[in-house]
Amino acid sequence: MSDKLNVFNFGKPNIRILHYTWFAFFMTFVVWLGLGPLMPFIKEALQLTDQQAKVLLILNVAMTIPARIVVGMLVDKFGPRIMYTGILISGGLISIAFSWAQGYEQLALLRFLSGFIGAGFVVGIRMIGEWFPAKQTGLAQGIYGGWGNFGSAGAAMTLPFIAANFGGADGWRYALTVASIIAIIYGVIYYFSVSNTPKGSTYFKPKKMGAMEVTSVSDLIFYILMNIPLFLALAVLTWKLSPAQMGLIGTTTSYIIYLTLAGIYATQVWKIWNVNGHILKKPVPALHRYKFKQVAILDWAYLVTFGTELAVVSVLAMFYVTWFDVPKVTAALLAGIYPFINLFARPGGGWISDKIGRKRTLIIVFAGITASFILLGFVNQEWPVAMVVGVTIIAGIFSKAGSGAVYAMVPLVQRRMTGQIAGMVGAFGNVGAVMFLTVNSLVSYDQFFMFIGIIAGFVFALILFFLEEPKGQMVETLPDGTVQMIDVK
């Protein structure tokens, strides 16, 4: 198959799948991340405090942490076709309920549940991985991720206009409702338009469900430890809602949630052991091994790249309004430039990865992320708005190219577990969002940007010294026991 990928060749089945799937992702992001550009309207209509508005933004990304893990497992078992349809329909219904909620407690609960739709991204990673060869996967995944991520820009460019011109104070409700109905309709269209694999191909599934398979004792310990940040992020959110901060939940409820999270983590450790405990008695053959550190570094890389995207796109409109007194609709449009970059930056990151290598690309983009966000850390209210927007564009180009580079490598780690790996990496992106948005609720905007730059610098060092370039071939075992070699060069 040619290395070239013509996205306008609609006669090819894999190109049609690519377009159907990125648009499914696009609609999930319109519904999910439309909250950011609409927040100035919601805040004014419901007379929310700054902290109440910021907590809604944190809640919006929190549920996606466990959802991406669960969906990653389910997509490996049931296939992306049924999973994307289910997410679009159920997520759209939850979003409609949020649109017409009345009290703040209802808004908070339904926005937390709305984060479920953000797990749709993981589904498409598996779908694109099935339909494109390794030599094209970086660009194909980049187009899927970049054009789908453009949904947040699409939301910024359309939903505030609807909110400002229709329905008066309830304009934001009509805007989200319209977007949610379109998502539900497209969920049905997607089901009848795609298939999980090309005709005649085998859909590989994990040998066991419930946890990711690892191939060494040290990786087993590492995997158990790497699950801690997923639960820690939810514990931080609980603290933010507790009497010590917002007071939205009581002290007793806070402790119940902490204990529940600890119990769920203990259950997850048991599942990990149940799936992988056998390696202590019988080592995995060298031919079937992979290094979990590759997954772990990609987790932390996506924590920065996508976590930054979610956090920045959520706060930019409010940042422009509060620091520079920009009108709400104008602020939403300026904030929309940031996700607009996804159209070319994320595919660009994947394409460069295909050309010059996965590790080298990540080194370049993380150097850019670190430098640009540290520069934003020195922003003040005397800076020209045009200059601030310009620097955020540069930071956005590097961070979104970084997301493309991360997922150019994800399908090359272990193919039959692509959904689970994509789910874990994606979940860490939301851990980053919760972490960054929590920091944003505690410090000024310049300190928020500086914090991102410092974390990016730490991950840059991990990539530089510990990440390994994928090479050679992956091994997959067919259901009949025969072995298939897959080139990942």
Protein backbone atom coordinates (compact mmCIF):
# COMPACT_ATOMS: atom_id res chain seq x y z
CA MET A 1 0.00 0.00 0.00
CA SER A 2 1.28 3.49 -0.83
CA ASP A 3 2.57 5.65 2.01
CA LYS A 4 0.58 8.58 0.65
CA LEU A 5 -2.83 9.28 2.14
CA ASN A 6 -5.35 11.12 -0.05
CA VAL A 7 -8.15 12.26 2.25
CA PHE A 8 -10.28 13.29 -0.73
CA ASN A 9 -10.35 9.83 -2.32
CA PHE A 10 -13.84 9.00 -1.08
CA GLY A 11 -13.94 5.89 -3.25
CA LYS A 12 -11.62 4.13 -0.79
CA PRO A 13 -13.46 2.53 2.16
CA ASN A 14 -10.80 3.52 4.71
CA ILE A 15 -11.05 7.18 3.69
CA ARG A 16 -14.82 7.08 4.15
CA ILE A 17 -14.34 5.50 7.58
CA LEU A 18 -11.88 8.26 8.47
CA HIS A 19 -14.38 10.98 7.60
CA TYR A 20 -17.35 9.30 9.29
CA THR A 21 -15.26 8.80 12.42
CA TRP A 22 -13.64 12.21 12.77
CA PHE A 23 -17.06 13.80 12.46
CA ALA A 24 -18.37 11.55 15.24
CA PHE A 25 -15.49 12.80 17.37
CA PHE A 26 -16.26 16.37 16.24
CA MET A 27 -19.83 16.11 17.53
CA THR A 28 -18.75 14.73 20.91
CA PHE A 29 -16.49 17.75 21.36
CA VAL A 30 -19.16 20.25 20.33
CA VAL A 31 -21.46 18.86 23.02
CA TRP A 32 -18.75 18.34 25.63
CA LEU A 33 -16.48 21.38 25.30
CA GLY A 34 -19.21 23.82 24.28
CA LEU A 35 -19.36 24.60 27.99
CA GLY A 36 -16.22 26.76 27.87
CA PRO A 37 -17.34 29.38 25.32
CA LEU A 38 -20.87 29.35 26.80
CA MET A 39 -19.67 29.81 30.39
CA PRO A 40 -19.81 33.65 30.33
CA PHE A 41 -23.48 33.37 29.24
CA ILE A 42 -24.29 30.71 31.86
CA LYS A 43 -22.50 32.65 34.59
CA GLU A 44 -24.45 35.82 33.81
CA ALA A 45 -27.84 34.15 33.30
CA LEU A 46 -27.67 32.12 36.52
CA GLN A 47 -25.64 34.67 38.51
CA LEU A 48 -22.91 32.18 39.36
CA THR A 49 -19.83 33.17 41.32
CA ASP A 50 -16.37 32.85 39.78
CA GLN A 51 -15.70 29.74 41.85
CA GLN A 52 -19.01 28.11 40.87
CA ALA A 53 -18.19 28.68 37.20
CA LYS A 54 -14.67 27.28 37.60
CA VAL A 55 -15.96 24.19 39.42
CA LEU A 56 -18.38 23.45 36.56
CA LEU A 57 -15.39 23.52 34.19
CA ILE A 58 -13.52 21.05 36.40
CA LEU A 59 -16.57 18.78 36.70
CA ASN A 60 -16.91 18.81 32.92
CA VAL A 61 -13.62 16.95 32.46
CA ALA A 62 -13.59 14.76 35.59
CA MET A 63 -15.97 11.95 34.55
CA THR A 64 -13.95 11.42 31.38
CA ILE A 65 -11.08 9.99 33.45
CA PRO A 66 -12.81 6.72 34.44
CA ALA A 67 -14.98 6.79 31.29
CA ARG A 68 -11.98 6.59 28.95
CA ILE A 69 -10.56 3.63 30.87
CA VAL A 70 -13.89 1.77 30.77
CA VAL A 71 -14.65 2.68 27.16
CA GLY A 72 -11.13 1.61 26.14
CA MET A 73 -11.84 -1.86 27.50
CA LEU A 74 -15.34 -2.03 26.02
CA VAL A 75 -14.25 -0.94 22.54
CA ASP A 76 -11.66 -3.72 22.44
CA LYS A 77 -14.43 -6.19 23.31
CA PHE A 78 -17.48 -4.88 21.41
CA GLY A 79 -15.96 -2.81 18.61
CA PRO A 80 -16.00 0.91 17.82
CA ARG A 81 -19.20 0.94 15.74
CA ILE A 82 -21.63 0.21 18.55
CA MET A 83 -19.57 2.12 21.12
CA TYR A 84 -19.51 5.42 19.22
CA THR A 85 -23.23 5.19 18.54
CA GLY A 86 -23.97 4.57 22.21
CA ILE A 87 -21.77 7.43 23.38
CA LEU A 88 -23.25 9.97 20.95
CA ILE A 89 -26.83 9.08 21.86
CA SER A 90 -26.42 8.78 25.63
CA GLY A 91 -24.08 11.79 25.83
CA GLY A 92 -26.52 13.89 23.81
CA LEU A 93 -29.39 13.01 26.13
CA ILE A 94 -27.38 13.89 29.25
CA SER A 95 -26.38 17.21 27.65
CA ILE A 96 -30.02 18.07 26.95
CA ALA A 97 -30.85 17.38 30.59
CA PHE A 98 -28.02 19.71 31.66
CA SER A 99 -29.29 22.39 29.28
CA TRP A 100 -32.59 22.58 31.14
CA ALA A 101 -31.38 22.02 34.71
CA GLN A 102 -32.40 24.70 37.23
CA GLY A 103 -30.47 24.61 40.51
CA TYR A 104 -26.68 24.68 40.74
CA GLU A 105 -26.60 21.20 42.28
CA GLN A 106 -28.42 19.81 39.21
CA LEU A 107 -26.05 21.67 36.92
CA ALA A 108 -23.02 20.28 38.77
CA LEU A 109 -24.24 16.67 38.75
CA LEU A 110 -25.31 16.67 35.10
CA ARG A 111 -22.12 18.40 33.96
CA PHE A 112 -20.11 15.74 35.78
CA LEU A 113 -22.08 13.04 33.95
CA SER A 114 -21.67 14.89 30.65
CA GLY A 115 -17.96 14.18 30.80
CA PHE A 116 -18.84 10.65 29.66
CA ILE A 117 -19.15 11.82 26.07
CA GLY A 118 -15.49 12.84 26.12
CA ALA A 119 -14.58 9.15 26.07
CA GLY A 120 -15.66 8.94 22.43
CA PHE A 121 -12.15 9.89 21.35
CA VAL A 122 -10.80 6.50 22.46
CA VAL A 123 -13.28 4.66 20.23
CA GLY A 124 -12.02 6.30 17.06
CA ILE A 125 -8.38 5.52 17.87
CA ARG A 126 -9.22 1.82 17.65
CA MET A 127 -11.34 2.31 14.51
CA ILE A 128 -8.62 4.23 12.65
CA GLY A 129 -6.00 1.74 13.84
CA GLU A 130 -8.00 -1.07 12.23
CA TRP A 131 -8.40 0.67 8.87
CA PHE A 132 -4.92 2.17 8.27
CA PRO A 133 -1.45 0.57 8.07
CA ALA A 134 1.39 1.53 10.40
CA LYS A 135 3.06 3.75 7.77
CA GLN A 136 -0.06 5.89 7.56
CA THR A 137 -1.32 5.65 11.12
CA GLY A 138 0.36 8.84 12.36
CA LEU A 139 -1.25 11.05 9.74
CA ALA A 140 -4.59 9.20 9.84
CA GLN A 141 -4.79 9.41 13.64
CA GLY A 142 -3.72 13.05 13.45
CA ILE A 143 -6.50 13.88 10.99
CA TYR A 144 -9.00 12.01 13.13
CA GLY A 145 -7.86 13.72 16.32
CA GLY A 146 -7.23 17.15 14.82
CA TRP A 147 -10.39 17.49 12.79
CA GLY A 148 -12.43 15.94 15.59
CA ASN A 149 -10.88 18.23 18.18
CA PHE A 150 -11.98 21.09 15.96
CA GLY A 151 -15.40 20.45 17.49
CA SER A 152 -14.40 22.70 20.38
CA ALA A 153 -13.63 25.48 17.88
CA GLY A 154 -16.89 24.75 16.08
CA ALA A 155 -18.69 25.13 19.39
CA ALA A 156 -16.89 28.42 20.10
CA MET A 157 -17.83 29.83 16.70
CA THR A 158 -21.51 28.81 16.72
CA LEU A 159 -22.94 28.24 20.19
CA PRO A 160 -22.23 31.74 21.60
CA PHE A 161 -23.90 33.25 18.51
CA ILE A 162 -27.04 31.19 19.16
CA ALA A 163 -26.91 32.02 22.87
CA ALA A 164 -26.60 35.75 22.17
CA ASN A 165 -29.36 35.98 19.57
CA PHE A 166 -32.02 33.42 20.47
CA GLY A 167 -33.95 32.78 23.67
CA GLY A 168 -32.76 35.72 25.74
CA ALA A 169 -31.31 34.58 29.08
CA ASP A 170 -32.06 30.97 28.08
CA GLY A 171 -30.11 31.28 24.84
CA TRP A 172 -27.32 29.05 26.14
CA ARG A 173 -29.90 26.33 26.83
CA TYR A 174 -31.15 26.41 23.23
CA ALA A 175 -27.59 26.38 21.89
CA LEU A 176 -26.60 23.22 23.80
CA THR A 177 -29.91 21.52 23.05
CA VAL A 178 -29.52 22.01 19.30
CA ALA A 179 -25.96 20.64 19.39
CA SER A 180 -27.06 17.64 21.47
CA ILE A 181 -29.92 16.72 19.11
CA ILE A 182 -27.53 16.78 16.13
CA ALA A 183 -25.15 14.47 18.04
CA ILE A 184 -27.94 11.98 18.73
CA ILE A 185 -29.02 11.93 15.08
CA TYR A 186 -25.45 11.43 13.91
CA GLY A 187 -25.02 8.55 16.36
CA VAL A 188 -27.74 6.67 14.45
CA ILE A 189 -26.20 7.59 11.08
CA TYR A 190 -22.77 6.35 12.21
CA TYR A 191 -24.12 2.93 13.19
CA PHE A 192 -25.51 2.29 9.71
CA SER A 193 -22.50 3.72 7.85
CA VAL A 194 -19.38 1.96 9.21
CA SER A 195 -17.92 -1.45 10.05
CA ASN A 196 -15.30 -2.30 12.65
CA THR A 197 -12.71 -3.70 10.22
CA PRO A 198 -12.06 -3.97 6.49
CA LYS A 199 -13.75 -6.94 4.85
CA GLY A 200 -11.93 -10.16 5.65
CA SER A 201 -9.84 -8.68 8.50
CA THR A 202 -9.72 -10.09 12.03
CA TYR A 203 -10.78 -7.88 14.93
CA PHE A 204 -8.19 -8.68 17.60
CA LYS A 205 -9.38 -8.75 21.20
CA PRO A 206 -7.49 -8.92 24.51
CA LYS A 207 -7.21 -12.39 26.02
CA LYS A 208 -8.71 -11.09 29.29
CA MET A 209 -10.89 -8.13 30.24
CA GLY A 210 -10.85 -5.89 33.28
CA ALA A 211 -7.26 -4.64 33.12
CA MET A 212 -4.40 -4.19 30.68
CA GLU A 213 -2.05 -7.11 30.11
CA VAL A 214 1.61 -6.53 31.01
CA THR A 215 4.54 -8.79 30.25
CA SER A 216 6.99 -8.55 33.16
CA VAL A 217 6.91 -8.39 36.96
CA SER A 218 8.45 -4.90 37.03
CA ASP A 219 5.83 -3.69 34.54
CA LEU A 220 3.10 -5.19 36.75
CA ILE A 221 4.26 -3.06 39.69
CA PHE A 222 4.66 -0.03 37.42
CA TYR A 223 1.12 -0.48 36.04
CA ILE A 224 -0.36 -0.63 39.55
CA LEU A 225 1.43 2.60 40.49
CA MET A 226 0.38 4.36 37.28
CA ASN A 227 -3.28 3.87 38.21
CA ILE A 228 -2.88 6.08 41.29
CA PRO A 229 -3.02 9.47 39.45
CA LEU A 230 -6.36 8.49 37.89
CA PHE A 231 -7.96 8.20 41.33
CA LEU A 232 -5.94 11.03 42.84
CA ALA A 233 -7.42 13.46 40.28
CA LEU A 234 -10.94 12.50 41.39
CA ALA A 235 -9.89 12.87 45.02
CA VAL A 236 -8.65 16.39 44.25
CA LEU A 237 -12.02 17.19 42.68
CA THR A 238 -13.77 15.90 45.81
CA TRP A 239 -11.59 18.16 47.94
CA LYS A 240 -12.51 21.09 45.71
CA LEU A 241 -16.22 20.39 46.31
CA SER A 242 -15.79 19.78 50.05
CA PRO A 243 -16.46 22.26 52.90
CA ALA A 244 -12.75 23.12 52.87
CA GLN A 245 -13.29 24.79 49.45
CA MET A 246 -16.70 25.13 47.74
CA GLY A 247 -18.96 23.49 50.30
CA LEU A 248 -21.08 21.80 47.61
CA ILE A 249 -20.83 18.49 49.45
CA GLY A 250 -20.68 17.83 53.19
CA THR A 251 -17.78 16.50 55.22
CA THR A 252 -19.39 13.06 55.58
CA THR A 253 -20.04 12.84 51.85
CA SER A 254 -16.43 13.82 51.17
CA TYR A 255 -15.11 11.01 53.34
CA ILE A 256 -17.50 8.52 51.75
CA ILE A 257 -16.20 9.50 48.31
CA TYR A 258 -12.57 9.20 49.45
CA LEU A 259 -13.25 5.72 50.85
CA THR A 260 -15.12 4.73 47.69
CA LEU A 261 -12.21 5.84 45.52
CA ALA A 262 -9.81 3.86 47.71
CA GLY A 263 -12.08 0.82 47.41
CA ILE A 264 -12.32 1.14 43.64
CA TYR A 265 -8.54 1.45 43.40
CA ALA A 266 -8.13 -1.69 45.53
CA THR A 267 -10.58 -3.47 43.21
CA GLN A 268 -8.60 -2.29 40.20
CA VAL A 269 -5.40 -3.64 41.74
CA TRP A 270 -7.15 -6.98 42.23
CA LYS A 271 -8.25 -6.98 38.57
CA ILE A 272 -4.72 -6.17 37.45
CA TRP A 273 -3.42 -9.07 39.52
CA ASN A 274 -6.15 -11.39 38.24
CA VAL A 275 -5.21 -10.64 34.63
CA ASN A 276 -1.42 -10.63 35.09
CA GLY A 277 -0.57 -12.68 38.18
CA HIS A 278 0.39 -15.68 36.04
CA ILE A 279 3.59 -13.96 34.85
CA LEU A 280 5.16 -14.59 38.27
CA LYS A 281 4.97 -18.33 37.63
CA LYS A 282 5.39 -18.43 33.87
CA PRO A 283 7.29 -15.60 32.18
CA VAL A 284 5.85 -14.23 28.96
CA PRO A 285 7.85 -15.36 25.89
CA ALA A 286 10.18 -12.63 24.63
CA LEU A 287 8.37 -12.60 21.28
CA HIS A 288 5.15 -11.35 22.91
CA ARG A 289 6.60 -8.79 25.32
CA TYR A 290 6.29 -5.03 25.25
CA LYS A 291 7.60 -2.35 27.62
CA PHE A 292 4.96 -0.71 29.79
CA LYS A 293 7.22 2.28 30.29
CA GLN A 294 6.30 3.25 26.72
CA VAL A 295 2.64 3.46 27.78
CA ALA A 296 3.53 5.33 30.98
CA ILE A 297 5.54 8.02 29.18
CA LEU A 298 2.77 8.46 26.62
CA ASP A 299 0.35 8.82 29.57
CA TRP A 300 2.36 11.70 30.99
CA ALA A 301 2.91 13.24 27.58
CA TYR A 302 -0.83 13.31 26.89
CA LEU A 303 -1.46 14.64 30.39
CA VAL A 304 0.40 17.74 29.19
CA THR A 305 -0.72 18.00 25.57
CA PHE A 306 -4.42 17.22 25.82
CA GLY A 307 -4.74 18.22 29.46
CA THR A 308 -3.43 21.63 28.46
CA GLU A 309 -5.86 21.81 25.55
CA LEU A 310 -8.90 21.05 27.70
CA ALA A 311 -7.83 23.42 30.45
CA VAL A 312 -6.83 26.32 28.21
CA VAL A 313 -9.86 26.10 25.91
CA SER A 314 -12.05 26.03 29.03
CA VAL A 315 -10.59 29.18 30.58
CA LEU A 316 -9.57 31.36 27.63
CA ALA A 317 -12.93 33.07 27.15
CA MET A 318 -13.16 33.97 30.84
CA PHE A 319 -9.48 34.98 30.81
CA TYR A 320 -10.03 37.47 27.98
CA VAL A 321 -13.20 38.84 29.59
CA THR A 322 -11.83 39.27 33.13
CA TRP A 323 -8.25 40.35 32.40
CA PHE A 324 -8.71 42.40 29.23
CA ASP A 325 -12.41 43.38 29.38
CA VAL A 326 -13.11 41.82 25.97
CA PRO A 327 -16.86 41.49 25.06
CA LYS A 328 -18.23 37.98 25.66
CA VAL A 329 -18.89 37.00 22.03
CA THR A 330 -15.54 38.43 20.92
CA ALA A 331 -13.79 36.59 23.77
CA ALA A 332 -15.44 33.32 22.68
CA LEU A 333 -14.27 33.86 19.08
CA LEU A 334 -10.72 34.68 20.20
CA ALA A 335 -10.74 31.59 22.43
CA GLY A 336 -11.99 29.59 19.42
CA ILE A 337 -8.73 30.28 17.59
CA TYR A 338 -6.94 27.99 20.04
CA PRO A 339 -8.88 24.80 19.16
CA PHE A 340 -9.07 25.91 15.49
CA ILE A 341 -5.36 25.12 15.30
CA ASN A 342 -6.28 21.43 15.61
CA LEU A 343 -7.23 21.38 11.92
CA PHE A 344 -3.58 21.39 10.89
CA ALA A 345 -1.42 21.09 14.03
CA ARG A 346 -2.56 17.68 15.26
CA PRO A 347 -2.44 16.03 11.79
CA GLY A 348 0.89 17.79 11.34
CA GLY A 349 2.26 16.19 14.49
CA GLY A 350 1.17 12.77 13.25
CA TRP A 351 2.58 13.36 9.77
CA ILE A 352 5.94 14.53 11.09
CA SER A 353 6.04 11.45 13.34
CA ASP A 354 5.57 9.22 10.30
CA LYS A 355 8.42 11.04 8.54
CA ILE A 356 11.13 11.67 11.14
CA GLY A 357 10.22 9.29 13.97
CA ARG A 358 7.95 9.23 17.02
CA LYS A 359 10.50 10.12 19.71
CA ARG A 360 12.22 12.89 17.74
CA THR A 361 8.88 14.56 17.05
CA LEU A 362 7.87 14.43 20.72
CA ILE A 363 11.20 15.96 21.75
CA ILE A 364 10.67 18.89 19.36
CA VAL A 365 7.08 19.60 20.34
CA PHE A 366 7.72 19.33 24.08
CA ALA A 367 10.58 21.80 23.85
CA GLY A 368 8.09 24.18 22.20
CA ILE A 369 5.32 23.53 24.76
CA THR A 370 7.69 24.17 27.65
CA ALA A 371 9.09 27.41 26.24
CA SER A 372 5.77 28.90 25.09
CA PHE A 373 3.86 28.28 28.33
CA ILE A 374 6.71 29.57 30.47
CA LEU A 375 6.56 32.73 28.33
CA LEU A 376 2.80 32.95 28.99
CA GLY A 377 3.66 32.65 32.66
CA PHE A 378 4.94 36.22 32.47
CA VAL A 379 1.70 37.65 30.99
CA ASN A 380 0.08 40.63 32.69
CA GLN A 381 -2.87 42.89 32.03
CA GLU A 382 -0.64 45.44 30.33
CA TRP A 383 0.15 43.08 27.43
CA PRO A 384 -1.66 43.86 24.16
CA VAL A 385 -4.50 41.40 23.57
CA ALA A 386 -3.09 40.62 20.10
CA MET A 387 0.23 39.61 21.65
CA VAL A 388 -1.47 37.32 24.19
CA VAL A 389 -3.53 35.67 21.45
CA GLY A 390 -0.38 35.25 19.34
CA VAL A 391 1.55 33.49 22.10
CA THR A 392 -1.41 31.20 22.89
CA ILE A 393 -1.53 30.26 19.19
CA ILE A 394 2.15 29.28 19.27
CA ALA A 395 1.60 27.30 22.47
CA GLY A 396 -1.45 25.67 20.92
CA ILE A 397 0.43 24.62 17.78
CA PHE A 398 3.05 22.78 19.82
CA SER A 399 0.59 21.19 22.27
CA LYS A 400 -1.78 19.97 19.57
CA ALA A 401 1.06 18.67 17.42
CA GLY A 402 2.18 16.88 20.57
CA SER A 403 -1.22 15.19 20.89
CA GLY A 404 -0.93 14.04 17.28
CA ALA A 405 2.56 12.70 17.93
CA VAL A 406 1.43 10.81 21.06
CA TYR A 407 -1.37 9.01 19.24
CA ALA A 408 0.83 8.33 16.24
CA MET A 409 2.70 6.02 18.61
CA VAL A 410 -0.18 4.56 20.67
CA PRO A 411 -1.32 1.96 18.06
CA LEU A 412 2.29 0.75 17.65
CA VAL A 413 2.77 -0.39 21.25
CA GLN A 414 0.54 -3.50 21.28
CA ARG A 415 -2.17 -3.72 18.62
CA ARG A 416 -4.70 -6.02 20.30
CA MET A 417 -4.75 -3.69 23.32
CA THR A 418 -4.90 -0.46 21.34
CA GLY A 419 -8.26 0.47 22.87
CA GLN A 420 -7.04 -0.08 26.43
CA ILE A 421 -3.78 1.77 25.84
CA ALA A 422 -5.63 4.60 24.10
CA GLY A 423 -8.10 4.66 26.99
CA MET A 424 -5.39 4.94 29.64
CA VAL A 425 -3.45 7.58 27.69
CA GLY A 426 -6.67 9.49 27.05
CA ALA A 427 -7.65 9.29 30.72
CA PHE A 428 -4.33 10.86 31.69
CA GLY A 429 -5.19 13.72 29.36
CA ASN A 430 -8.21 14.36 31.55
CA VAL A 431 -6.13 13.95 34.70
CA GLY A 432 -4.05 16.80 33.33
CA ALA A 433 -7.18 18.84 32.67
CA VAL A 434 -8.47 18.34 36.22
CA MET A 435 -5.04 19.16 37.64
CA PHE A 436 -4.57 22.29 35.52
CA LEU A 437 -8.14 23.55 36.04
CA THR A 438 -7.85 22.98 39.78
CA VAL A 439 -4.63 25.01 39.81
CA ASN A 440 -6.44 27.68 37.76
CA SER A 441 -9.12 27.90 40.47
CA LEU A 442 -6.45 28.54 43.11
CA VAL A 443 -3.99 30.91 41.42
CA SER A 444 -3.91 33.78 38.94
CA TYR A 445 -3.89 33.14 35.19
CA ASP A 446 -0.18 33.89 34.76
CA GLN A 447 0.70 31.37 37.49
CA PHE A 448 -1.63 28.86 35.80
CA PHE A 449 0.31 29.15 32.55
CA MET A 450 3.67 28.94 34.32
CA PHE A 451 2.59 25.75 36.11
CA ILE A 452 1.80 24.13 32.76
CA GLY A 453 5.24 25.11 31.45
CA ILE A 454 7.00 23.57 34.43
CA ILE A 455 5.11 20.26 34.14
CA ALA A 456 5.82 20.19 30.39
CA GLY A 457 9.53 20.58 31.13
CA PHE A 458 9.43 17.56 33.45
CA VAL A 459 7.75 15.38 30.80
CA PHE A 460 10.20 16.66 28.18
CA ALA A 461 12.99 15.11 30.29
CA LEU A 462 11.12 11.78 30.51
CA ILE A 463 10.76 11.65 26.73
CA LEU A 464 14.35 12.67 26.11
CA PHE A 465 15.92 10.09 28.41
CA PHE A 466 13.50 7.15 28.63
CA LEU A 467 11.15 6.88 25.63
CA GLU A 468 12.15 4.35 22.95
CA GLU A 469 11.41 4.66 19.25
CA PRO A 470 9.08 1.85 18.00
CA LYS A 471 10.94 -0.38 15.58
CA GLY A 472 10.82 -3.78 13.96
CA GLN A 473 7.55 -5.68 14.02
CA MET A 474 4.65 -6.34 16.36
CA VAL A 475 3.40 -9.86 16.90
CA GLU A 476 -0.30 -10.74 16.86
CA THR A 477 -1.77 -14.17 17.47
CA LEU A 478 -4.81 -15.04 15.36
CA PRO A 479 -7.78 -16.93 16.85
CA ASP A 480 -6.61 -20.15 15.19
CA GLY A 481 -3.23 -19.85 16.92
CA THR A 482 -1.20 -18.73 13.93
CA VAL A 483 1.13 -15.76 14.30
CA GLN A 484 0.97 -12.59 12.21
CA MET A 485 3.86 -10.10 12.00
CA ILE A 486 2.96 -6.41 11.65
CA ASP A 487 5.58 -3.93 10.43
CA VAL A 488 5.77 -0.78 12.58
CA LYS A 489 8.65 0.97 10.82
